[in-house]
Amino acid sequence: MERRYTRATRKETAVEPHLQALFRSAGDQVRNCRQAMGLTQDDLAERVGTVRAHISVLENGSKMPSLSFLARVAWQLGVRVTITLSTAPPDHQRKRPAPLMER
């Protein structure tokens, strides 16, 4: 009996713009931490127990990483996941909101 394997197709769904910004921000922060430690993507992938392509996807922000994967990466970089997920600028970089009413 001959077996036929069909390729499963995944429906591509649009990602909300604020989530795209979150993914990019997390990826940028991972890249900055990795480079500050003098690690290559291959080095970090080996420490995390994955392949370089997963680190690349994370740093590019093209797909949503699982929280467990993000936690493993953050652990190896010595940062907290909450910092990695932060999209808000530090307090000293925040702009004050414009007044609602002027006198």
N, C-alpha and C. Protein backbone atom coordinates (compact mmCIF):
# COMPACT_ATOMS: atom_id res chain seq x y z
N MET A 1 0.85 -1.18 0.00
CA MET A 1 0.00 0.00 0.00
C MET A 1 0.89 1.24 0.00
N GLU A 2 0.64 2.12 -0.90
CA GLU A 2 1.43 3.33 -1.03
C GLU A 2 0.89 4.42 -0.10
N ARG A 3 1.81 5.05 0.61
CA ARG A 3 1.40 6.14 1.50
C ARG A 3 1.59 7.46 0.79
N ARG A 4 0.65 8.30 0.97
CA ARG A 4 0.75 9.66 0.41
C ARG A 4 0.81 10.65 1.56
N TYR A 5 1.78 11.48 1.49
CA TYR A 5 1.93 12.51 2.50
C TYR A 5 1.53 13.85 1.90
N THR A 6 0.66 14.49 2.56
CA THR A 6 0.25 15.81 2.07
C THR A 6 0.88 16.87 2.97
N ARG A 7 1.15 17.95 2.38
CA ARG A 7 1.75 19.05 3.11
C ARG A 7 0.64 19.87 3.76
N ALA A 8 0.74 20.02 5.04
CA ALA A 8 -0.26 20.81 5.75
C ALA A 8 -0.03 22.28 5.46
N THR A 9 -1.08 22.98 5.19
CA THR A 9 -0.95 24.41 4.93
C THR A 9 -1.44 25.17 6.14
N ARG A 10 -0.71 26.20 6.45
CA ARG A 10 -1.11 27.05 7.56
C ARG A 10 -1.65 28.35 7.00
N LYS A 11 -2.76 28.74 7.53
CA LYS A 11 -3.35 30.00 7.11
C LYS A 11 -2.57 31.15 7.72
N GLU A 12 -2.07 32.01 6.87
CA GLU A 12 -1.34 33.18 7.36
C GLU A 12 -2.34 34.18 7.91
N THR A 13 -2.09 34.64 9.09
CA THR A 13 -2.97 35.62 9.68
C THR A 13 -2.22 36.93 9.87
N ALA A 14 -2.92 38.00 9.74
CA ALA A 14 -2.30 39.31 9.91
C ALA A 14 -1.99 39.53 11.38
N VAL A 15 -0.84 40.10 11.63
CA VAL A 15 -0.44 40.40 13.00
C VAL A 15 -0.74 41.86 13.28
N GLU A 16 -1.29 42.09 14.44
CA GLU A 16 -1.61 43.46 14.85
C GLU A 16 -0.35 44.32 14.84
N PRO A 17 -0.47 45.58 14.40
CA PRO A 17 0.71 46.45 14.35
C PRO A 17 1.44 46.60 15.68
N HIS A 18 0.69 46.68 16.79
CA HIS A 18 1.38 46.83 18.07
C HIS A 18 2.14 45.56 18.46
N LEU A 19 1.67 44.40 18.00
CA LEU A 19 2.41 43.17 18.26
C LEU A 19 3.66 43.09 17.40
N GLN A 20 3.57 43.57 16.17
CA GLN A 20 4.75 43.61 15.31
C GLN A 20 5.82 44.48 15.95
N ALA A 21 5.42 45.60 16.50
CA ALA A 21 6.37 46.49 17.17
C ALA A 21 6.97 45.79 18.39
N LEU A 22 6.17 45.02 19.10
CA LEU A 22 6.66 44.28 20.26
C LEU A 22 7.70 43.24 19.84
N PHE A 23 7.42 42.50 18.77
CA PHE A 23 8.35 41.48 18.29
C PHE A 23 9.67 42.14 17.86
N ARG A 24 9.56 43.24 17.13
CA ARG A 24 10.78 43.94 16.66
C ARG A 24 11.58 44.47 17.84
N SER A 25 10.89 45.03 18.81
CA SER A 25 11.57 45.58 19.98
C SER A 25 12.29 44.48 20.76
N ALA A 26 11.61 43.36 20.97
CA ALA A 26 12.24 42.23 21.68
C ALA A 26 13.45 41.74 20.90
N GLY A 27 13.30 41.64 19.59
CA GLY A 27 14.42 41.19 18.74
C GLY A 27 15.60 42.13 18.79
N ASP A 28 15.30 43.44 18.75
CA ASP A 28 16.38 44.43 18.83
C ASP A 28 17.12 44.32 20.16
N GLN A 29 16.37 44.13 21.24
CA GLN A 29 16.98 44.04 22.55
C GLN A 29 17.82 42.77 22.70
N VAL A 30 17.33 41.67 22.13
CA VAL A 30 18.10 40.43 22.16
C VAL A 30 19.40 40.61 21.37
N ARG A 31 19.30 41.21 20.19
CA ARG A 31 20.49 41.44 19.36
C ARG A 31 21.50 42.33 20.10
N ASN A 32 21.02 43.41 20.70
CA ASN A 32 21.91 44.32 21.42
C ASN A 32 22.61 43.62 22.58
N CYS A 33 21.87 42.83 23.35
CA CYS A 33 22.47 42.11 24.47
C CYS A 33 23.47 41.08 23.97
N ARG A 34 23.10 40.35 22.93
CA ARG A 34 23.99 39.32 22.38
C ARG A 34 25.30 39.94 21.90
N GLN A 35 25.19 41.04 21.15
CA GLN A 35 26.39 41.69 20.64
C GLN A 35 27.23 42.30 21.76
N ALA A 36 26.58 42.82 22.79
CA ALA A 36 27.31 43.39 23.93
C ALA A 36 28.11 42.31 24.65
N MET A 37 27.61 41.08 24.62
CA MET A 37 28.32 39.97 25.25
C MET A 37 29.38 39.37 24.32
N GLY A 38 29.43 39.86 23.09
CA GLY A 38 30.40 39.35 22.13
C GLY A 38 30.06 37.98 21.58
N LEU A 39 28.76 37.66 21.55
CA LEU A 39 28.31 36.36 21.05
C LEU A 39 27.82 36.46 19.62
N THR A 40 28.01 35.41 18.85
CA THR A 40 27.40 35.31 17.53
C THR A 40 26.03 34.65 17.70
N GLN A 41 25.24 34.66 16.65
CA GLN A 41 23.95 33.97 16.71
C GLN A 41 24.17 32.48 16.95
N ASP A 42 25.22 31.93 16.34
CA ASP A 42 25.52 30.50 16.55
C ASP A 42 25.87 30.22 18.01
N ASP A 43 26.66 31.12 18.62
CA ASP A 43 27.03 30.94 20.03
C ASP A 43 25.79 30.94 20.92
N LEU A 44 24.91 31.92 20.70
CA LEU A 44 23.71 32.01 21.52
C LEU A 44 22.80 30.81 21.28
N ALA A 45 22.68 30.39 20.03
CA ALA A 45 21.83 29.24 19.71
C ALA A 45 22.33 27.99 20.44
N GLU A 46 23.65 27.81 20.48
CA GLU A 46 24.21 26.65 21.17
C GLU A 46 23.91 26.70 22.67
N ARG A 47 24.04 27.88 23.25
CA ARG A 47 23.76 28.03 24.68
C ARG A 47 22.29 27.77 25.00
N VAL A 48 21.41 28.21 24.10
CA VAL A 48 19.97 28.07 24.32
C VAL A 48 19.50 26.65 23.99
N GLY A 49 20.24 25.96 23.12
CA GLY A 49 19.84 24.62 22.72
C GLY A 49 18.93 24.63 21.52
N THR A 50 19.23 25.51 20.57
CA THR A 50 18.43 25.62 19.37
C THR A 50 19.37 25.84 18.18
N VAL A 51 18.81 26.20 17.06
CA VAL A 51 19.62 26.48 15.87
C VAL A 51 19.68 27.98 15.60
N ARG A 52 20.67 28.39 14.83
CA ARG A 52 20.87 29.80 14.55
C ARG A 52 19.64 30.44 13.91
N ALA A 53 18.93 29.68 13.08
CA ALA A 53 17.75 30.23 12.39
C ALA A 53 16.70 30.73 13.37
N HIS A 54 16.55 30.04 14.50
CA HIS A 54 15.56 30.49 15.50
C HIS A 54 15.98 31.81 16.13
N ILE A 55 17.28 31.96 16.37
CA ILE A 55 17.78 33.22 16.93
C ILE A 55 17.59 34.34 15.90
N SER A 56 17.85 34.04 14.64
CA SER A 56 17.69 35.03 13.58
C SER A 56 16.24 35.49 13.47
N VAL A 57 15.31 34.54 13.50
CA VAL A 57 13.89 34.88 13.42
C VAL A 57 13.48 35.75 14.61
N LEU A 58 13.99 35.41 15.79
CA LEU A 58 13.69 36.20 16.99
C LEU A 58 14.22 37.62 16.83
N GLU A 59 15.47 37.76 16.40
CA GLU A 59 16.08 39.08 16.27
C GLU A 59 15.43 39.92 15.17
N ASN A 60 14.94 39.27 14.13
CA ASN A 60 14.27 40.00 13.04
C ASN A 60 12.85 40.39 13.39
N GLY A 61 12.28 39.75 14.40
CA GLY A 61 10.92 40.06 14.81
C GLY A 61 9.88 39.62 13.82
N SER A 62 10.22 38.63 12.99
CA SER A 62 9.28 38.22 11.95
C SER A 62 8.20 37.27 12.44
N LYS A 63 8.43 36.58 13.56
CA LYS A 63 7.43 35.68 14.11
C LYS A 63 7.40 35.82 15.62
N MET A 64 6.28 35.45 16.19
CA MET A 64 6.13 35.53 17.64
C MET A 64 6.85 34.35 18.29
N PRO A 65 7.81 34.62 19.17
CA PRO A 65 8.47 33.52 19.87
C PRO A 65 7.59 33.03 21.01
N SER A 66 7.78 31.79 21.38
CA SER A 66 7.06 31.29 22.56
C SER A 66 7.69 31.93 23.78
N LEU A 67 6.91 32.04 24.83
CA LEU A 67 7.42 32.64 26.06
C LEU A 67 8.54 31.79 26.65
N SER A 68 8.42 30.48 26.54
CA SER A 68 9.47 29.61 27.08
C SER A 68 10.78 29.80 26.32
N PHE A 69 10.70 29.95 25.00
CA PHE A 69 11.91 30.19 24.21
C PHE A 69 12.51 31.54 24.56
N LEU A 70 11.68 32.55 24.67
CA LEU A 70 12.15 33.88 25.03
C LEU A 70 12.79 33.86 26.41
N ALA A 71 12.22 33.09 27.33
CA ALA A 71 12.77 32.98 28.68
C ALA A 71 14.15 32.32 28.65
N ARG A 72 14.31 31.28 27.83
CA ARG A 72 15.62 30.61 27.73
C ARG A 72 16.66 31.55 27.16
N VAL A 73 16.29 32.34 26.15
CA VAL A 73 17.22 33.29 25.56
C VAL A 73 17.59 34.36 26.58
N ALA A 74 16.58 34.90 27.26
CA ALA A 74 16.84 35.93 28.26
C ALA A 74 17.74 35.40 29.37
N TRP A 75 17.53 34.17 29.79
CA TRP A 75 18.35 33.57 30.84
C TRP A 75 19.82 33.53 30.42
N GLN A 76 20.05 33.12 29.18
CA GLN A 76 21.43 33.03 28.68
C GLN A 76 22.07 34.41 28.52
N LEU A 77 21.25 35.42 28.29
CA LEU A 77 21.77 36.78 28.14
C LEU A 77 21.85 37.51 29.48
N GLY A 78 21.31 36.91 30.52
CA GLY A 78 21.36 37.52 31.84
C GLY A 78 20.41 38.69 32.01
N VAL A 79 19.29 38.65 31.30
CA VAL A 79 18.28 39.71 31.43
C VAL A 79 16.95 39.08 31.81
N ARG A 80 16.04 39.91 32.28
CA ARG A 80 14.69 39.44 32.61
C ARG A 80 13.80 39.52 31.37
N VAL A 81 12.87 38.62 31.28
CA VAL A 81 11.93 38.63 30.14
C VAL A 81 11.11 39.90 30.14
N THR A 82 10.79 40.43 31.29
CA THR A 82 9.98 41.65 31.32
C THR A 82 10.73 42.80 30.66
N ILE A 83 12.03 42.84 30.80
CA ILE A 83 12.82 43.87 30.13
C ILE A 83 12.86 43.61 28.64
N THR A 84 12.98 42.34 28.27
CA THR A 84 13.04 41.97 26.86
C THR A 84 11.74 42.33 26.15
N LEU A 85 10.61 42.24 26.84
CA LEU A 85 9.32 42.52 26.23
C LEU A 85 8.93 43.99 26.30
N SER A 86 9.68 44.79 26.99
CA SER A 86 9.32 46.19 27.17
C SER A 86 9.43 46.97 25.86
N THR A 87 8.35 47.69 25.52
CA THR A 87 8.38 48.53 24.32
C THR A 87 8.38 50.00 24.70
N ALA A 88 8.12 50.29 25.95
CA ALA A 88 8.08 51.68 26.39
C ALA A 88 9.50 52.20 26.57
N PRO A 89 9.77 53.43 26.17
CA PRO A 89 11.11 53.97 26.38
C PRO A 89 11.35 54.22 27.86
N PRO A 90 12.61 54.25 28.27
CA PRO A 90 12.89 54.56 29.67
C PRO A 90 12.30 55.91 30.05
N ASP A 91 12.09 56.10 31.36
CA ASP A 91 11.44 57.31 31.85
C ASP A 91 12.09 58.58 31.34
N HIS A 92 13.41 58.62 31.26
CA HIS A 92 14.08 59.84 30.83
C HIS A 92 13.91 60.14 29.35
N GLN A 93 13.42 59.17 28.57
CA GLN A 93 13.21 59.39 27.14
C GLN A 93 11.75 59.64 26.78
N ARG A 94 10.86 59.53 27.73
CA ARG A 94 9.44 59.72 27.44
C ARG A 94 9.13 61.19 27.24
N LYS A 95 8.28 61.44 26.29
CA LYS A 95 7.84 62.82 26.05
C LYS A 95 6.63 63.09 26.93
N ARG A 96 6.56 64.29 27.39
CA ARG A 96 5.38 64.65 28.18
C ARG A 96 4.21 64.84 27.25
N PRO A 97 3.04 64.38 27.67
CA PRO A 97 1.87 64.57 26.81
C PRO A 97 1.51 66.04 26.70
N ALA A 98 0.98 66.39 25.57
CA ALA A 98 0.54 67.77 25.36
C ALA A 98 -0.64 68.05 26.27
N PRO A 99 -0.75 69.26 26.81
CA PRO A 99 -1.89 69.58 27.66
C PRO A 99 -3.19 69.49 26.86
N LEU A 100 -4.23 69.04 27.55
CA LEU A 100 -5.52 68.93 26.88
C LEU A 100 -6.14 70.29 26.62
N MET A 101 -5.92 71.18 27.57
CA MET A 101 -6.48 72.53 27.43
C MET A 101 -5.41 73.54 27.84
N GLU A 102 -5.37 74.61 27.12
CA GLU A 102 -4.43 75.66 27.49
C GLU A 102 -5.21 76.80 28.12
N ARG A 103 -4.58 77.49 29.04
CA ARG A 103 -5.27 78.60 29.71
C ARG A 103 -5.11 79.86 28.93
